[in-house]
N, C-alpha and C. Protein backbone atom coordinates (compact mmCIF):
# COMPACT_ATOMS: atom_id res chain seq x y z
N MET A 1 205.92 138.63 149.96
CA MET A 1 205.51 138.72 151.33
C MET A 1 205.98 137.47 152.05
N SER A 2 206.41 137.60 153.26
CA SER A 2 206.86 136.44 154.01
C SER A 2 206.11 136.35 155.31
N GLY A 3 206.18 135.18 155.96
CA GLY A 3 205.50 134.99 157.22
C GLY A 3 204.06 134.55 157.02
N THR A 4 203.34 134.48 158.11
CA THR A 4 201.94 134.05 158.01
C THR A 4 201.09 135.16 157.43
N GLY A 5 200.03 134.78 156.77
CA GLY A 5 199.14 135.77 156.17
C GLY A 5 199.60 136.24 154.82
N GLY A 6 200.68 135.67 154.29
CA GLY A 6 201.18 136.07 152.98
C GLY A 6 200.36 135.47 151.86
N ILE A 7 200.68 135.86 150.68
CA ILE A 7 199.98 135.36 149.51
C ILE A 7 200.67 134.08 149.05
N ALA A 8 199.90 133.03 148.85
CA ALA A 8 200.44 131.77 148.34
C ALA A 8 200.69 131.93 146.85
N ARG A 9 201.80 131.45 146.41
CA ARG A 9 202.14 131.53 145.00
C ARG A 9 202.27 130.12 144.45
N GLY A 10 201.90 129.95 143.23
CA GLY A 10 201.99 128.63 142.62
C GLY A 10 201.98 128.71 141.12
N ARG A 11 202.26 127.61 140.53
CA ARG A 11 202.24 127.49 139.08
C ARG A 11 201.23 126.40 138.76
N TYR A 12 200.34 126.68 137.86
CA TYR A 12 199.28 125.75 137.55
C TYR A 12 199.30 125.40 136.08
N GLY A 13 198.96 124.19 135.78
CA GLY A 13 198.85 123.75 134.38
C GLY A 13 197.43 123.30 134.12
N PHE A 14 197.17 122.96 132.91
CA PHE A 14 195.83 122.55 132.53
C PHE A 14 195.88 121.15 131.94
N ALA A 15 194.79 120.45 132.06
CA ALA A 15 194.67 119.12 131.49
C ALA A 15 193.44 119.08 130.60
N GLU A 16 193.47 118.23 129.62
CA GLU A 16 192.33 118.08 128.72
C GLU A 16 191.45 116.94 129.23
N TRP A 17 190.18 117.20 129.25
CA TRP A 17 189.21 116.21 129.72
C TRP A 17 188.22 115.91 128.61
N ALA A 18 187.66 114.72 128.64
CA ALA A 18 186.64 114.33 127.67
C ALA A 18 185.48 113.66 128.40
N LEU A 19 184.28 113.84 127.87
CA LEU A 19 183.10 113.18 128.39
C LEU A 19 182.73 112.03 127.47
N THR A 20 182.39 110.90 128.05
CA THR A 20 181.87 109.77 127.28
C THR A 20 180.60 109.30 127.96
N ALA A 21 179.64 108.89 127.17
CA ALA A 21 178.39 108.39 127.73
C ALA A 21 178.69 107.20 128.63
N ALA A 22 178.08 107.19 129.81
CA ALA A 22 178.29 106.10 130.76
C ALA A 22 177.82 104.80 130.12
N GLU A 23 178.65 103.79 130.23
CA GLU A 23 178.35 102.50 129.61
C GLU A 23 177.05 101.92 130.14
N GLY A 24 176.22 101.49 129.22
CA GLY A 24 174.95 100.87 129.60
C GLY A 24 173.87 101.83 130.05
N MET A 25 174.11 103.13 129.94
CA MET A 25 173.13 104.12 130.39
C MET A 25 172.58 104.87 129.18
N ALA A 26 171.36 104.56 128.81
CA ALA A 26 170.70 105.22 127.68
C ALA A 26 170.15 106.58 128.13
N VAL A 27 169.73 107.37 127.17
CA VAL A 27 169.05 108.63 127.47
C VAL A 27 167.80 108.32 128.28
N ARG A 28 167.56 109.12 129.32
CA ARG A 28 166.41 108.93 130.20
C ARG A 28 165.51 110.16 130.07
N TYR A 29 164.24 110.01 130.45
CA TYR A 29 163.26 111.09 130.38
C TYR A 29 162.55 111.22 131.71
N ALA A 30 162.16 112.44 132.06
CA ALA A 30 161.41 112.68 133.29
C ALA A 30 160.43 113.81 133.06
N GLY A 31 159.23 113.66 133.62
CA GLY A 31 158.22 114.71 133.57
C GLY A 31 158.23 115.48 134.89
N LYS A 32 157.87 116.75 134.80
CA LYS A 32 157.82 117.59 136.00
C LYS A 32 156.60 118.49 135.90
N CYS A 33 155.84 118.56 136.99
CA CYS A 33 154.71 119.48 137.07
C CYS A 33 155.24 120.86 137.42
N LEU A 34 154.90 121.86 136.63
CA LEU A 34 155.37 123.22 136.88
C LEU A 34 154.54 123.93 137.94
N SER A 35 153.41 123.34 138.33
CA SER A 35 152.58 123.94 139.37
C SER A 35 153.05 123.54 140.77
N CYS A 36 153.29 122.24 140.98
CA CYS A 36 153.63 121.77 142.33
C CYS A 36 155.04 121.22 142.44
N GLY A 37 155.73 121.04 141.32
CA GLY A 37 157.10 120.55 141.36
C GLY A 37 157.25 119.04 141.44
N GLU A 38 156.14 118.31 141.49
CA GLU A 38 156.23 116.85 141.56
C GLU A 38 156.86 116.33 140.27
N ARG A 39 157.66 115.26 140.41
CA ARG A 39 158.38 114.70 139.27
C ARG A 39 158.01 113.24 139.07
N SER A 40 158.04 112.84 137.82
CA SER A 40 157.83 111.43 137.50
C SER A 40 159.13 110.67 137.76
N PRO A 41 159.04 109.35 137.86
CA PRO A 41 160.29 108.58 137.87
C PRO A 41 160.97 108.75 136.51
N ASP A 42 162.28 108.60 136.43
CA ASP A 42 162.90 108.69 135.11
C ASP A 42 162.67 107.37 134.38
N VAL A 43 162.41 107.50 133.08
CA VAL A 43 162.01 106.36 132.25
C VAL A 43 162.79 106.36 130.94
N LEU A 44 162.74 105.24 130.23
CA LEU A 44 163.47 105.10 128.97
C LEU A 44 162.76 105.72 127.76
N GLU A 45 161.45 105.91 127.85
CA GLU A 45 160.68 106.42 126.71
C GLU A 45 160.03 107.76 127.05
N SER A 46 160.14 108.71 126.15
CA SER A 46 159.52 110.02 126.39
C SER A 46 158.01 109.90 126.51
N ASP A 47 157.42 108.96 125.78
CA ASP A 47 155.96 108.76 125.86
C ASP A 47 155.53 108.41 127.28
N ASP A 48 156.34 107.64 128.00
CA ASP A 48 156.01 107.27 129.38
C ASP A 48 156.05 108.49 130.31
N ALA A 49 157.01 109.38 130.08
CA ALA A 49 157.08 110.61 130.87
C ALA A 49 155.88 111.51 130.56
N GLN A 50 155.48 111.58 129.31
CA GLN A 50 154.32 112.37 128.93
C GLN A 50 153.03 111.79 129.50
N LEU A 51 152.95 110.47 129.54
CA LEU A 51 151.78 109.81 130.12
C LEU A 51 151.66 110.14 131.60
N TRP A 52 152.80 110.18 132.30
CA TRP A 52 152.77 110.57 133.72
C TRP A 52 152.19 111.97 133.85
N CYS A 53 152.61 112.89 132.98
CA CYS A 53 152.10 114.27 133.01
C CYS A 53 150.59 114.29 132.84
N LEU A 54 150.08 113.52 131.89
CA LEU A 54 148.64 113.48 131.65
C LEU A 54 147.88 112.90 132.84
N LYS A 55 148.42 111.85 133.45
CA LYS A 55 147.78 111.27 134.63
C LYS A 55 147.77 112.25 135.79
N HIS A 56 148.88 112.97 135.97
CA HIS A 56 148.97 113.96 137.04
C HIS A 56 147.95 115.08 136.78
N ALA A 57 147.85 115.53 135.54
CA ALA A 57 146.88 116.57 135.18
C ALA A 57 145.47 116.11 135.50
N GLY A 58 145.15 114.88 135.17
CA GLY A 58 143.82 114.35 135.45
C GLY A 58 143.54 114.21 136.93
N ALA A 59 144.57 113.88 137.71
CA ALA A 59 144.38 113.65 139.14
C ALA A 59 144.26 114.95 139.93
N VAL A 60 145.05 115.97 139.58
CA VAL A 60 145.09 117.18 140.41
C VAL A 60 144.76 118.46 139.64
N ARG A 61 144.45 118.32 138.36
CA ARG A 61 144.04 119.46 137.52
C ARG A 61 145.13 120.51 137.30
N HIS A 62 146.39 120.13 137.40
CA HIS A 62 147.48 121.04 137.05
C HIS A 62 147.66 120.99 135.54
N SER A 63 148.13 122.10 134.94
CA SER A 63 148.16 122.14 133.48
C SER A 63 149.52 122.45 132.86
N GLY A 64 150.52 122.79 133.64
CA GLY A 64 151.83 123.11 133.08
C GLY A 64 152.84 122.03 133.40
N PHE A 65 153.51 121.51 132.36
CA PHE A 65 154.46 120.41 132.55
C PHE A 65 155.71 120.61 131.71
N GLU A 66 156.75 119.92 132.11
CA GLU A 66 158.02 119.92 131.38
C GLU A 66 158.47 118.46 131.29
N VAL A 67 158.93 118.05 130.13
CA VAL A 67 159.56 116.74 129.98
C VAL A 67 161.00 116.99 129.56
N SER A 68 161.92 116.43 130.32
CA SER A 68 163.35 116.63 130.07
C SER A 68 164.02 115.32 129.72
N ALA A 69 165.00 115.39 128.84
CA ALA A 69 165.84 114.24 128.51
C ALA A 69 167.21 114.48 129.13
N PHE A 70 167.81 113.42 129.65
CA PHE A 70 169.15 113.56 130.23
C PHE A 70 169.92 112.27 130.04
N GLN A 71 171.23 112.36 130.16
CA GLN A 71 172.09 111.20 130.01
C GLN A 71 173.25 111.34 130.98
N TYR A 72 173.72 110.22 131.49
CA TYR A 72 174.85 110.21 132.41
C TYR A 72 176.15 110.09 131.62
N PHE A 73 177.18 110.80 132.10
CA PHE A 73 178.48 110.80 131.45
C PHE A 73 179.59 110.54 132.46
N ASP A 74 180.70 110.03 131.95
CA ASP A 74 181.92 109.88 132.73
C ASP A 74 182.93 110.88 132.18
N ALA A 75 183.68 111.53 133.07
CA ALA A 75 184.75 112.43 132.65
C ALA A 75 186.08 111.72 132.82
N GLU A 76 186.94 111.87 131.84
CA GLU A 76 188.24 111.21 131.89
C GLU A 76 189.31 112.17 131.39
N MET A 77 190.42 112.24 132.09
CA MET A 77 191.53 113.07 131.66
C MET A 77 192.20 112.37 130.48
N VAL A 78 192.34 113.08 129.37
CA VAL A 78 192.92 112.46 128.17
C VAL A 78 194.32 112.93 127.86
N ALA A 79 194.69 114.10 128.33
CA ALA A 79 196.04 114.61 128.03
C ALA A 79 196.54 115.39 129.24
N PRO A 80 197.01 114.71 130.25
CA PRO A 80 197.49 115.45 131.44
C PRO A 80 198.69 116.30 131.09
N ASP A 81 198.76 117.46 131.70
CA ASP A 81 199.88 118.38 131.53
C ASP A 81 200.95 118.00 132.55
N ALA A 82 202.02 117.38 132.10
CA ALA A 82 203.07 116.89 132.99
C ALA A 82 203.74 118.03 133.75
N GLY A 83 203.66 119.24 133.25
CA GLY A 83 204.32 120.36 133.91
C GLY A 83 203.48 121.03 134.98
N SER A 84 202.28 120.52 135.25
CA SER A 84 201.43 121.20 136.22
C SER A 84 201.71 120.69 137.63
N ARG A 85 202.10 121.60 138.48
CA ARG A 85 202.29 121.28 139.90
C ARG A 85 202.38 122.61 140.64
N ALA A 86 201.94 122.58 141.87
CA ALA A 86 202.05 123.80 142.69
C ALA A 86 203.42 123.87 143.29
N LEU A 87 203.95 125.06 143.42
CA LEU A 87 205.26 125.26 144.06
C LEU A 87 205.11 125.58 145.51
């Protein structure tokens, strides 16, 4: 197809990516109330996130909670495909 409104054509390649834990960032924990959605600050110890849940339960009488662990990562291209480019 030619002219405006035509289909763009291209050639695409793929690159390999890797995740590495962000330097200086340990696993973090956070508590969340399943009744009202309030969240604790993120902390280094799971016990501290659980303690927040217990304090919240005592203060507002909510009974459902979730404690999540998470970690920050950096993505880095490790093997770029030299043949990838759009035409």
